[in-house]
Amino acid sequence: MKIRDKINESFKLKKQFEHLLEVAKKAVEMAIEQDENAASAWINDQTKDLELN
């Protein structure tokens, strides 16, 4: 892999991390205000298209 590819991958991963952090924050709020099942379902919906290994 070339350096350019590594840089592009790092930007993609940073964006994914930021999205997951926001999902986690919102899920904690939902779990407190509603219930854990609603938060869990929302997390699954928000992350279904991500390629998580």
PDB file of N, CA and C in Angstrom:
ATOM      1  N   MET A   1       0.837  -1.171   0.000  1.00  0.00           N
ATOM      2  CA  MET A   1       0.000   0.000   0.000  1.00  0.00           C
ATOM      3  C   MET A   1       0.893   1.249   0.000  1.00  0.00           C
ATOM      4  N   LYS A   2       0.516   2.212  -0.786  1.00  0.00           N
ATOM      5  CA  LYS A   2       1.294   3.438  -0.864  1.00  0.00           C
ATOM      6  C   LYS A   2       0.935   4.374   0.282  1.00  0.00           C
ATOM      7  N   ILE A   3       1.804   5.335   0.510  1.00  0.00           N
ATOM      8  CA  ILE A   3       1.578   6.307   1.582  1.00  0.00           C
ATOM      9  C   ILE A   3       0.266   7.044   1.370  1.00  0.00           C
ATOM     10  N   ARG A   4      -0.021   7.406   0.139  1.00  0.00           N
ATOM     11  CA  ARG A   4      -1.273   8.113  -0.173  1.00  0.00           C
ATOM     12  C   ARG A   4      -2.475   7.279   0.250  1.00  0.00           C
ATOM     13  N   ASP A   5      -2.425   5.990  -0.028  1.00  0.00           N
ATOM     14  CA  ASP A   5      -3.522   5.098   0.355  1.00  0.00           C
ATOM     15  C   ASP A   5      -3.678   5.028   1.876  1.00  0.00           C
ATOM     16  N   LYS A   6      -2.559   4.982   2.569  1.00  0.00           N
ATOM     17  CA  LYS A   6      -2.595   4.947   4.038  1.00  0.00           C
ATOM     18  C   LYS A   6      -3.205   6.235   4.594  1.00  0.00           C
ATOM     19  N   ILE A   7      -2.836   7.365   4.004  1.00  0.00           N
ATOM     20  CA  ILE A   7      -3.385   8.648   4.447  1.00  0.00           C
ATOM     21  C   ILE A   7      -4.887   8.689   4.211  1.00  0.00           C
ATOM     22  N   ASN A   8      -5.314   8.267   3.029  1.00  0.00           N
ATOM     23  CA  ASN A   8      -6.751   8.247   2.724  1.00  0.00           C
ATOM     24  C   ASN A   8      -7.501   7.324   3.677  1.00  0.00           C
ATOM     25  N   GLU A   9      -6.907   6.176   3.963  1.00  0.00           N
ATOM     26  CA  GLU A   9      -7.539   5.239   4.893  1.00  0.00           C
ATOM     27  C   GLU A   9      -7.640   5.852   6.292  1.00  0.00           C
ATOM     28  N   SER A  10      -6.598   6.571   6.706  1.00  0.00           N
ATOM     29  CA  SER A  10      -6.633   7.177   8.041  1.00  0.00           C
ATOM     30  C   SER A  10      -7.727   8.235   8.141  1.00  0.00           C
ATOM     31  N   PHE A  11      -7.946   9.012   7.079  1.00  0.00           N
ATOM     32  CA  PHE A  11      -9.030   9.997   7.092  1.00  0.00           C
ATOM     33  C   PHE A  11     -10.391   9.306   7.158  1.00  0.00           C
ATOM     34  N   LYS A  12     -10.525   8.214   6.412  1.00  0.00           N
ATOM     35  CA  LYS A  12     -11.779   7.456   6.432  1.00  0.00           C
ATOM     36  C   LYS A  12     -12.042   6.899   7.832  1.00  0.00           C
ATOM     37  N   LEU A  13     -11.010   6.353   8.452  1.00  0.00           N
ATOM     38  CA  LEU A  13     -11.168   5.783   9.790  1.00  0.00           C
ATOM     39  C   LEU A  13     -11.456   6.859  10.833  1.00  0.00           C
ATOM     40  N   LYS A  14     -10.862   8.028  10.677  1.00  0.00           N
ATOM     41  CA  LYS A  14     -11.136   9.133  11.607  1.00  0.00           C
ATOM     42  C   LYS A  14     -12.593   9.554  11.510  1.00  0.00           C
ATOM     43  N   LYS A  15     -13.091   9.649  10.282  1.00  0.00           N
ATOM     44  CA  LYS A  15     -14.495  10.024  10.083  1.00  0.00           C
ATOM     45  C   LYS A  15     -15.417   8.965  10.692  1.00  0.00           C
ATOM     46  N   GLN A  16     -15.073   7.705  10.499  1.00  0.00           N
ATOM     47  CA  GLN A  16     -15.864   6.612  11.062  1.00  0.00           C
ATOM     48  C   GLN A  16     -15.836   6.667  12.595  1.00  0.00           C
ATOM     49  N   PHE A  17     -14.674   6.930  13.163  1.00  0.00           N
ATOM     50  CA  PHE A  17     -14.550   7.055  14.616  1.00  0.00           C
ATOM     51  C   PHE A  17     -15.438   8.175  15.145  1.00  0.00           C
ATOM     52  N   GLU A  18     -15.408   9.326  14.482  1.00  0.00           N
ATOM     53  CA  GLU A  18     -16.221  10.460  14.926  1.00  0.00           C
ATOM     54  C   GLU A  18     -17.709  10.121  14.874  1.00  0.00           C
ATOM     55  N   HIS A  19     -18.111   9.416  13.826  1.00  0.00           N
ATOM     56  CA  HIS A  19     -19.514   9.003  13.709  1.00  0.00           C
ATOM     57  C   HIS A  19     -19.885   8.041  14.845  1.00  0.00           C
ATOM     58  N   LEU A  20     -19.025   7.064  15.095  1.00  0.00           N
ATOM     59  CA  LEU A  20     -19.311   6.093  16.150  1.00  0.00           C
ATOM     60  C   LEU A  20     -19.350   6.746  17.527  1.00  0.00           C
ATOM     61  N   LEU A  21     -18.506   7.734  17.743  1.00  0.00           N
ATOM     62  CA  LEU A  21     -18.523   8.450  19.017  1.00  0.00           C
ATOM     63  C   LEU A  21     -19.845   9.182  19.208  1.00  0.00           C
ATOM     64  N   GLU A  22     -20.339   9.825  18.169  1.00  0.00           N
ATOM     65  CA  GLU A  22     -21.629  10.518  18.252  1.00  0.00           C
ATOM     66  C   GLU A  22     -22.771   9.526  18.464  1.00  0.00           C
ATOM     67  N   VAL A  23     -22.699   8.384  17.792  1.00  0.00           N
ATOM     68  CA  VAL A  23     -23.715   7.343  17.976  1.00  0.00           C
ATOM     69  C   VAL A  23     -23.711   6.871  19.429  1.00  0.00           C
ATOM     70  N   ALA A  24     -22.533   6.662  19.981  1.00  0.00           N
ATOM     71  CA  ALA A  24     -22.432   6.202  21.365  1.00  0.00           C
ATOM     72  C   ALA A  24     -23.000   7.230  22.337  1.00  0.00           C
ATOM     73  N   LYS A  25     -22.679   8.497  22.134  1.00  0.00           N
ATOM     74  CA  LYS A  25     -23.198   9.552  23.016  1.00  0.00           C
ATOM     75  C   LYS A  25     -24.722   9.592  22.975  1.00  0.00           C
ATOM     76  N   LYS A  26     -25.272   9.561  21.769  1.00  0.00           N
ATOM     77  CA  LYS A  26     -26.728   9.617  21.602  1.00  0.00           C
ATOM     78  C   LYS A  26     -27.376   8.373  22.219  1.00  0.00           C
ATOM     79  N   ALA A  27     -26.735   7.219  22.053  1.00  0.00           N
ATOM     80  CA  ALA A  27     -27.289   5.977  22.592  1.00  0.00           C
ATOM     81  C   ALA A  27     -27.345   6.012  24.116  1.00  0.00           C
ATOM     82  N   VAL A  28     -26.336   6.581  24.746  1.00  0.00           N
ATOM     83  CA  VAL A  28     -26.350   6.699  26.207  1.00  0.00           C
ATOM     84  C   VAL A  28     -27.506   7.592  26.638  1.00  0.00           C
ATOM     85  N   GLU A  29     -27.688   8.700  25.941  1.00  0.00           N
ATOM     86  CA  GLU A  29     -28.819   9.586  26.250  1.00  0.00           C
ATOM     87  C   GLU A  29     -30.147   8.850  26.098  1.00  0.00           C
ATOM     88  N   MET A  30     -30.275   8.086  25.006  1.00  0.00           N
ATOM     89  CA  MET A  30     -31.516   7.341  24.769  1.00  0.00           C
ATOM     90  C   MET A  30     -31.745   6.294  25.852  1.00  0.00           C
ATOM     91  N   ALA A  31     -30.685   5.609  26.256  1.00  0.00           N
ATOM     92  CA  ALA A  31     -30.819   4.576  27.284  1.00  0.00           C
ATOM     93  C   ALA A  31     -31.290   5.183  28.601  1.00  0.00           C
ATOM     94  N   ILE A  32     -30.815   6.389  28.898  1.00  0.00           N
ATOM     95  CA  ILE A  32     -31.220   7.059  30.136  1.00  0.00           C
ATOM     96  C   ILE A  32     -32.652   7.570  30.032  1.00  0.00           C
ATOM     97  N   GLU A  33     -32.972   8.220  28.919  1.00  0.00           N
ATOM     98  CA  GLU A  33     -34.283   8.858  28.768  1.00  0.00           C
ATOM     99  C   GLU A  33     -35.389   7.876  28.402  1.00  0.00           C
ATOM    100  N   GLN A  34     -35.058   6.839  27.634  1.00  0.00           N
ATOM    101  CA  GLN A  34     -36.077   5.873  27.202  1.00  0.00           C
ATOM    102  C   GLN A  34     -35.784   4.525  27.850  1.00  0.00           C
ATOM    103  N   ASP A  35     -35.110   3.659  27.101  1.00  0.00           N
ATOM    104  CA  ASP A  35     -34.690   2.378  27.656  1.00  0.00           C
ATOM    105  C   ASP A  35     -33.553   1.803  26.818  1.00  0.00           C
ATOM    106  N   GLU A  36     -32.934   0.767  27.353  1.00  0.00           N
ATOM    107  CA  GLU A  36     -31.776   0.177  26.680  1.00  0.00           C
ATOM    108  C   GLU A  36     -32.140  -0.458  25.343  1.00  0.00           C
ATOM    109  N   ASN A  37     -33.330  -1.033  25.244  1.00  0.00           N
ATOM    110  CA  ASN A  37     -33.729  -1.677  23.993  1.00  0.00           C
ATOM    111  C   ASN A  37     -33.843  -0.669  22.857  1.00  0.00           C
ATOM    112  N   ALA A  38     -34.407   0.488  23.139  1.00  0.00           N
ATOM    113  CA  ALA A  38     -34.519   1.537  22.120  1.00  0.00           C
ATOM    114  C   ALA A  38     -33.136   2.003  21.700  1.00  0.00           C
ATOM    115  N   ALA A  39     -32.246   2.182  22.667  1.00  0.00           N
ATOM    116  CA  ALA A  39     -30.881   2.622  22.365  1.00  0.00           C
ATOM    117  C   ALA A  39     -30.143   1.580  21.540  1.00  0.00           C
ATOM    118  N   SER A  40     -30.294   0.328  21.895  1.00  0.00           N
ATOM    119  CA  SER A  40     -29.623  -0.751  21.168  1.00  0.00           C
ATOM    120  C   SER A  40     -30.125  -0.849  19.731  1.00  0.00           C
ATOM    121  N   ALA A  41     -31.429  -0.740  19.557  1.00  0.00           N
ATOM    122  CA  ALA A  41     -32.007  -0.777  18.208  1.00  0.00           C
ATOM    123  C   ALA A  41     -31.507   0.402  17.382  1.00  0.00           C
ATOM    124  N   TRP A  42     -31.411   1.567  18.004  1.00  0.00           N
ATOM    125  CA  TRP A  42     -30.934   2.759  17.303  1.00  0.00           C
ATOM    126  C   TRP A  42     -29.468   2.596  16.897  1.00  0.00           C
ATOM    127  N   ILE A  43     -28.645   2.031  17.791  1.00  0.00           N
ATOM    128  CA  ILE A  43     -27.238   1.774  17.459  1.00  0.00           C
ATOM    129  C   ILE A  43     -27.150   0.838  16.260  1.00  0.00           C
ATOM    130  N   ASN A  44     -27.911  -0.241  16.291  1.00  0.00           N
ATOM    131  CA  ASN A  44     -27.883  -1.197  15.181  1.00  0.00           C
ATOM    132  C   ASN A  44     -28.278  -0.536  13.870  1.00  0.00           C
ATOM    133  N   ASP A  45     -29.281   0.326  13.917  1.00  0.00           N
ATOM    134  CA  ASP A  45     -29.724   1.027  12.718  1.00  0.00           C
ATOM    135  C   ASP A  45     -28.645   1.981  12.201  1.00  0.00           C
ATOM    136  N   GLN A  46     -27.985   2.669  13.104  1.00  0.00           N
ATOM    137  CA  GLN A  46     -26.975   3.655  12.723  1.00  0.00           C
ATOM    138  C   GLN A  46     -25.682   3.022  12.220  1.00  0.00           C
ATOM    139  N   THR A  47     -25.417   1.789  12.599  1.00  0.00           N
ATOM    140  CA  THR A  47     -24.145   1.157  12.249  1.00  0.00           C
ATOM    141  C   THR A  47     -24.278   0.004  11.256  1.00  0.00           C
ATOM    142  N   LYS A  48     -25.475  -0.254  10.763  1.00  0.00           N
ATOM    143  CA  LYS A  48     -25.667  -1.422   9.895  1.00  0.00           C
ATOM    144  C   LYS A  48     -24.880  -1.345   8.590  1.00  0.00           C
ATOM    145  N   ASP A  49     -24.601  -0.144   8.101  1.00  0.00           N
ATOM    146  CA  ASP A  49     -23.893  -0.009   6.832  1.00  0.00           C
ATOM    147  C   ASP A  49     -22.380   0.133   6.989  1.00  0.00           C
ATOM    148  N   LEU A  50     -21.902   0.176   8.217  1.00  0.00           N
ATOM    149  CA  LEU A  50     -20.468   0.315   8.447  1.00  0.00           C
ATOM    150  C   LEU A  50     -19.778  -1.029   8.308  1.00  0.00           C
ATOM    151  N   GLU A  51     -18.548  -0.978   7.864  1.00  0.00           N
ATOM    152  CA  GLU A  51     -17.738  -2.184   7.760  1.00  0.00           C
ATOM    153  C   GLU A  51     -16.916  -2.306   9.033  1.00  0.00           C
ATOM    154  N   LEU A  52     -17.510  -2.856  10.071  1.00  0.00           N
ATOM    155  CA  LEU A  52     -16.813  -3.010  11.342  1.00  0.00           C
ATOM    156  C   LEU A  52     -16.214  -4.398  11.411  1.00  0.00           C
ATOM    157  N   ASN A  53     -14.932  -4.455  11.681  1.00  0.00           N
ATOM    158  CA  ASN A  53     -14.237  -5.749  11.749  1.00  0.00           C
ATOM    159  C   ASN A  53     -14.006  -6.138  13.175  1.00  0.00           C
TER     160      ASN A  53
END
